[in-house]
């Protein structure tokens, strides 16, 4: 299911996640790709300022709604470092975007956070398929999991040091 093109775009998502972390944000990144393979838009998390709706997947959904036809959206692919949260899944579904490919799952993230001793967040973690229907979803991608786990660990440790 995951091919070299998918891996290339997912690696860019990991780079964007690292950029977010370097800027003091949570490490998540996403890329929107057209049916022709053109990168249309990319972004990383911007939640450090306190607005926790500033996820890259949500930004891509907004961008797509404003810049693509309905048909173009259904044929596009969203690549992301981490599986969509329920908010981003819903945005993806409402806008009518096509395939989703994620590098690490929500389940993996929960496990990593639990291992680090993090408290559960206020929003429940749901698989994308529990939020939207009729969307092809591929992931997680084991080749990238350790790198993403390390980014999450660094983020958690930074957050804990800031809170002390």
Protein backbone atom coordinates (compact mmCIF):
# COMPACT_ATOMS: atom_id res chain seq x y z
CA UNK A 1 0.00 0.00 0.00
CA UNK A 2 2.79 2.48 0.85
CA UNK A 3 5.09 3.18 -2.09
CA UNK A 4 8.26 5.26 -2.59
CA UNK A 5 6.26 8.37 -3.49
CA UNK A 6 4.29 8.02 -0.26
CA UNK A 7 7.51 7.62 1.72
CA UNK A 8 9.02 10.71 0.13
CA UNK A 9 6.02 12.83 1.13
CA UNK A 10 5.89 11.30 4.60
CA UNK A 11 9.57 12.09 5.09
CA UNK A 12 8.75 15.72 4.28
CA UNK A 13 6.01 15.56 6.94
CA UNK A 14 8.61 14.38 9.44
CA UNK A 15 10.88 17.28 8.41
CA UNK A 16 7.98 19.69 8.96
CA UNK A 17 7.34 18.10 12.37
CA UNK A 18 10.97 18.70 13.28
CA UNK A 19 10.70 22.32 12.11
CA UNK A 20 7.67 22.74 14.35
CA UNK A 21 9.61 21.32 17.29
CA UNK A 22 12.57 23.61 16.60
CA UNK A 23 10.14 26.57 16.67
CA UNK A 24 8.88 25.48 20.08
CA UNK A 25 5.74 23.75 18.85
CA UNK A 26 4.39 20.21 18.94
CA UNK A 27 6.02 18.02 16.26
CA UNK A 28 3.43 17.46 13.55
CA UNK A 29 3.63 18.22 9.83
CA UNK A 30 1.40 17.65 6.79
CA UNK A 31 1.54 17.92 3.00
CA UNK A 32 -1.31 18.18 0.46
CA UNK A 33 -0.55 16.57 -2.92
CA UNK A 34 -2.64 16.76 -6.10
CA UNK A 35 -3.66 13.76 -8.19
CA UNK A 36 -0.82 14.73 -10.56
CA UNK A 37 1.73 14.52 -7.72
CA UNK A 38 2.22 18.26 -7.24
CA UNK A 39 2.76 19.48 -3.68
CA UNK A 40 0.02 22.08 -3.30
CA UNK A 41 0.41 23.15 0.31
CA UNK A 42 2.27 22.14 3.44
CA UNK A 43 2.28 23.21 7.06
CA UNK A 44 3.27 22.23 10.59
CA UNK A 45 1.67 22.67 14.00
CA UNK A 46 1.12 26.21 15.31
CA UNK A 47 -0.46 25.45 18.68
CA UNK A 48 2.31 26.86 20.91
CA UNK A 49 0.51 30.22 21.06
CA UNK A 50 -2.43 28.60 22.84
CA UNK A 51 -4.84 27.99 19.94
CA UNK A 52 -4.94 24.21 19.84
CA UNK A 53 -6.98 24.19 16.62
CA UNK A 54 -3.93 25.23 14.59
CA UNK A 55 -3.14 21.72 13.35
CA UNK A 56 -1.55 21.36 9.90
CA UNK A 57 -4.24 18.94 8.68
CA UNK A 58 -6.93 21.50 9.50
CA UNK A 59 -4.94 24.20 7.69
CA UNK A 60 -4.67 21.96 4.61
CA UNK A 61 -8.43 21.32 4.65
CA UNK A 62 -9.12 25.07 4.77
CA UNK A 63 -6.61 25.73 2.01
CA UNK A 64 -8.15 23.01 -0.17
CA UNK A 65 -11.68 24.37 0.36
CA UNK A 66 -10.54 27.81 -0.80
CA UNK A 67 -8.25 26.80 -3.66
CA UNK A 68 -9.44 23.53 -5.19
CA UNK A 69 -12.55 22.30 -6.93
CA UNK A 70 -14.58 19.55 -5.31
CA UNK A 71 -13.30 17.07 -7.90
CA UNK A 72 -9.66 18.07 -7.32
CA UNK A 73 -10.11 17.65 -3.57
CA UNK A 74 -11.49 14.11 -3.89
CA UNK A 75 -8.42 13.08 -5.92
CA UNK A 76 -5.86 14.75 -3.62
CA UNK A 77 -3.85 13.01 -0.91
CA UNK A 78 -3.05 14.35 2.53
CA UNK A 79 0.21 13.07 3.99
CA UNK A 80 0.80 13.64 7.67
CA UNK A 81 3.30 12.73 10.33
CA UNK A 82 0.57 11.67 12.77
CA UNK A 83 -2.91 10.25 12.29
CA UNK A 84 -5.58 12.96 12.21
CA UNK A 85 -7.24 13.90 15.48
CA UNK A 86 -11.08 13.92 15.46
CA UNK A 87 -11.17 17.67 14.63
CA UNK A 88 -8.87 17.24 11.63
CA UNK A 89 -10.63 14.07 10.48
CA UNK A 90 -13.93 15.94 10.46
CA UNK A 91 -12.42 18.88 8.55
CA UNK A 92 -10.96 16.44 6.01
CA UNK A 93 -14.37 14.80 5.60
CA UNK A 94 -16.38 18.03 5.38
CA UNK A 95 -14.05 19.44 2.72
CA UNK A 96 -14.14 16.17 0.77
CA UNK A 97 -10.43 15.46 0.53
CA UNK A 98 -9.30 12.08 -0.75
CA UNK A 99 -6.76 9.62 0.58
CA UNK A 100 -4.98 10.07 3.92
CA UNK A 101 -1.53 8.61 4.54
CA UNK A 102 -0.05 8.92 8.03
CA UNK A 103 3.33 7.91 9.41
CA UNK A 104 2.36 7.24 13.04
CA UNK A 105 -1.03 6.31 14.47
CA UNK A 106 -2.99 7.91 17.28
CA UNK A 107 -2.64 4.61 19.12
CA UNK A 108 1.15 4.80 18.86
CA UNK A 109 1.13 8.39 20.09
CA UNK A 110 -1.01 7.42 23.08
CA UNK A 111 1.39 4.58 23.92
CA UNK A 112 4.43 6.86 23.65
CA UNK A 113 2.83 9.52 25.83
CA UNK A 114 1.77 6.94 28.40
CA UNK A 115 5.34 5.60 28.54
CA UNK A 116 6.56 9.14 29.19
CA UNK A 117 4.03 9.63 31.98
CA UNK A 118 1.86 12.20 30.18
CA UNK A 119 -1.68 12.76 31.33
CA UNK A 120 -4.38 11.95 28.75
CA UNK A 121 -5.62 14.95 26.76
CA UNK A 122 -9.16 16.32 27.01
CA UNK A 123 -10.14 15.17 23.50
CA UNK A 124 -10.58 11.46 22.94
CA UNK A 125 -8.40 9.83 20.36
CA UNK A 126 -10.42 8.25 17.57
CA UNK A 127 -9.23 6.49 14.45
CA UNK A 128 -9.96 8.42 11.26
CA UNK A 129 -12.46 5.75 10.15
CA UNK A 130 -14.49 6.33 13.31
CA UNK A 131 -14.99 9.97 12.31
CA UNK A 132 -15.36 9.94 8.51
CA UNK A 133 -16.53 7.36 6.01
CA UNK A 134 -15.45 6.41 2.51
CA UNK A 135 -11.88 7.64 2.73
CA UNK A 136 -8.87 5.53 1.90
CA UNK A 137 -6.54 5.61 4.90
CA UNK A 138 -3.04 4.12 4.93
CA UNK A 139 -0.70 3.98 7.89
CA UNK A 140 1.15 3.70 10.13
CA UNK A 141 4.54 3.37 8.45
CA UNK A 142 6.99 1.44 10.66
CA UNK A 143 10.09 2.88 8.93
CA UNK A 144 9.35 6.30 10.43
CA UNK A 145 8.02 5.39 13.87
CA UNK A 146 11.26 5.63 15.86
CA UNK A 147 12.08 9.05 14.42
CA UNK A 148 8.60 10.30 15.28
CA UNK A 149 8.73 8.73 18.72
CA UNK A 150 11.96 10.63 19.39
CA UNK A 151 10.40 13.93 18.26
CA UNK A 152 7.48 13.34 20.62
CA UNK A 153 9.86 12.51 23.47
CA UNK A 154 11.82 15.73 22.91
CA UNK A 155 8.60 17.72 22.78
CA UNK A 156 7.31 16.16 26.00
CA UNK A 157 10.58 16.77 27.84
CA UNK A 158 10.69 20.41 26.68
CA UNK A 159 7.10 20.93 27.81
CA UNK A 160 7.82 19.40 31.22
CA UNK A 161 10.90 21.61 31.69
CA UNK A 162 8.87 24.70 30.78
CA UNK A 163 6.16 23.85 33.30
CA UNK A 164 8.65 23.44 36.17
